[in-house]
Amino acid sequence: MKQTKLFCDTCGKECDPKSGASQFVGVLARLDIKLEKQIYQFAQDYCSACSEVILNFISELKKDIKK
């Protein structure tokens, strides 16, 4: 049997996928000095406590954008 363990990329705690662990995936695009597009992709694993902090932060950003 294969066993997979997840560790939070923020606090380092081992997290159980059944207890609310999550993964956030994102893409950042920017232009370099020559005005060529550069794309950065990332994926991070988070425990339930850190996920809640991130989701609250995103919610606050959405509120600021709507103003």
Protein backbone atom coordinates (compact mmCIF):
# COMPACT_ATOMS: atom_id res chain seq x y z
CA MET A 1 0.00 0.00 0.00
CA LYS A 2 1.28 3.43 -0.94
CA GLN A 3 1.18 6.04 1.81
CA THR A 4 1.26 9.73 0.99
CA LYS A 5 1.95 12.40 3.59
CA LEU A 6 1.20 16.09 3.12
CA PHE A 7 2.98 18.88 4.93
CA CYS A 8 1.79 22.48 5.06
CA ASP A 9 4.09 24.73 3.03
CA THR A 10 3.46 27.60 5.45
CA CYS A 11 3.69 26.18 8.98
CA GLY A 12 5.27 22.79 8.23
CA LYS A 13 2.68 20.70 10.10
CA GLU A 14 1.68 17.34 8.70
CA CYS A 15 -1.86 17.65 7.40
CA ASP A 16 -4.49 15.04 6.80
CA PRO A 17 -6.37 15.49 3.50
CA LYS A 18 -9.56 14.31 5.23
CA SER A 19 -9.42 17.11 7.83
CA GLY A 20 -9.49 20.06 5.44
CA ALA A 21 -6.04 20.19 3.89
CA SER A 22 -6.05 22.00 0.56
CA GLN A 23 -3.89 22.92 -2.37
CA PHE A 24 -3.88 26.35 -3.98
CA VAL A 25 -2.68 26.65 -7.56
CA GLY A 26 -1.88 29.95 -9.18
CA VAL A 27 -0.33 31.62 -12.19
CA LEU A 28 1.46 34.95 -12.30
CA ALA A 29 2.17 36.66 -15.60
CA ARG A 30 4.54 39.57 -15.96
CA LEU A 31 6.60 41.36 -18.58
CA ASP A 32 10.39 41.39 -18.46
CA ILE A 33 12.67 44.26 -19.55
CA LYS A 34 12.29 43.28 -23.22
CA LEU A 35 8.47 43.30 -22.78
CA GLU A 36 8.31 39.54 -23.24
CA LYS A 37 5.68 37.72 -21.21
CA GLN A 38 6.94 35.46 -18.43
CA ILE A 39 4.60 33.03 -16.72
CA TYR A 40 5.20 31.63 -13.25
CA GLN A 41 3.05 28.74 -12.03
CA PHE A 42 2.91 27.48 -8.47
CA ALA A 43 1.06 24.94 -6.34
CA GLN A 44 1.25 24.79 -2.55
CA ASP A 45 -0.26 22.49 0.09
CA TYR A 46 -1.83 24.00 3.22
CA CYS A 47 -3.30 22.69 6.46
CA SER A 48 -6.86 23.68 7.38
CA ALA A 49 -5.75 26.55 9.66
CA CYS A 50 -3.47 28.13 7.04
CA SER A 51 -6.10 27.55 4.32
CA GLU A 52 -8.59 29.54 6.36
CA VAL A 53 -6.16 32.47 6.65
CA ILE A 54 -5.54 32.45 2.90
CA LEU A 55 -9.24 32.27 2.04
CA ASN A 56 -9.99 35.17 4.40
CA PHE A 57 -7.23 37.20 2.73
CA ILE A 58 -8.68 36.47 -0.72
CA SER A 59 -12.14 37.48 0.50
CA GLU A 60 -10.78 40.81 1.75
CA LEU A 61 -9.08 41.43 -1.61
CA LYS A 62 -12.36 40.79 -3.41
CA LYS A 63 -14.11 43.30 -1.14
CA ASP A 64 -11.45 45.93 -1.88
CA ILE A 65 -11.77 45.36 -5.64
CA LYS A 66 -15.54 45.86 -5.57
CA LYS A 67 -15.19 49.27 -3.85
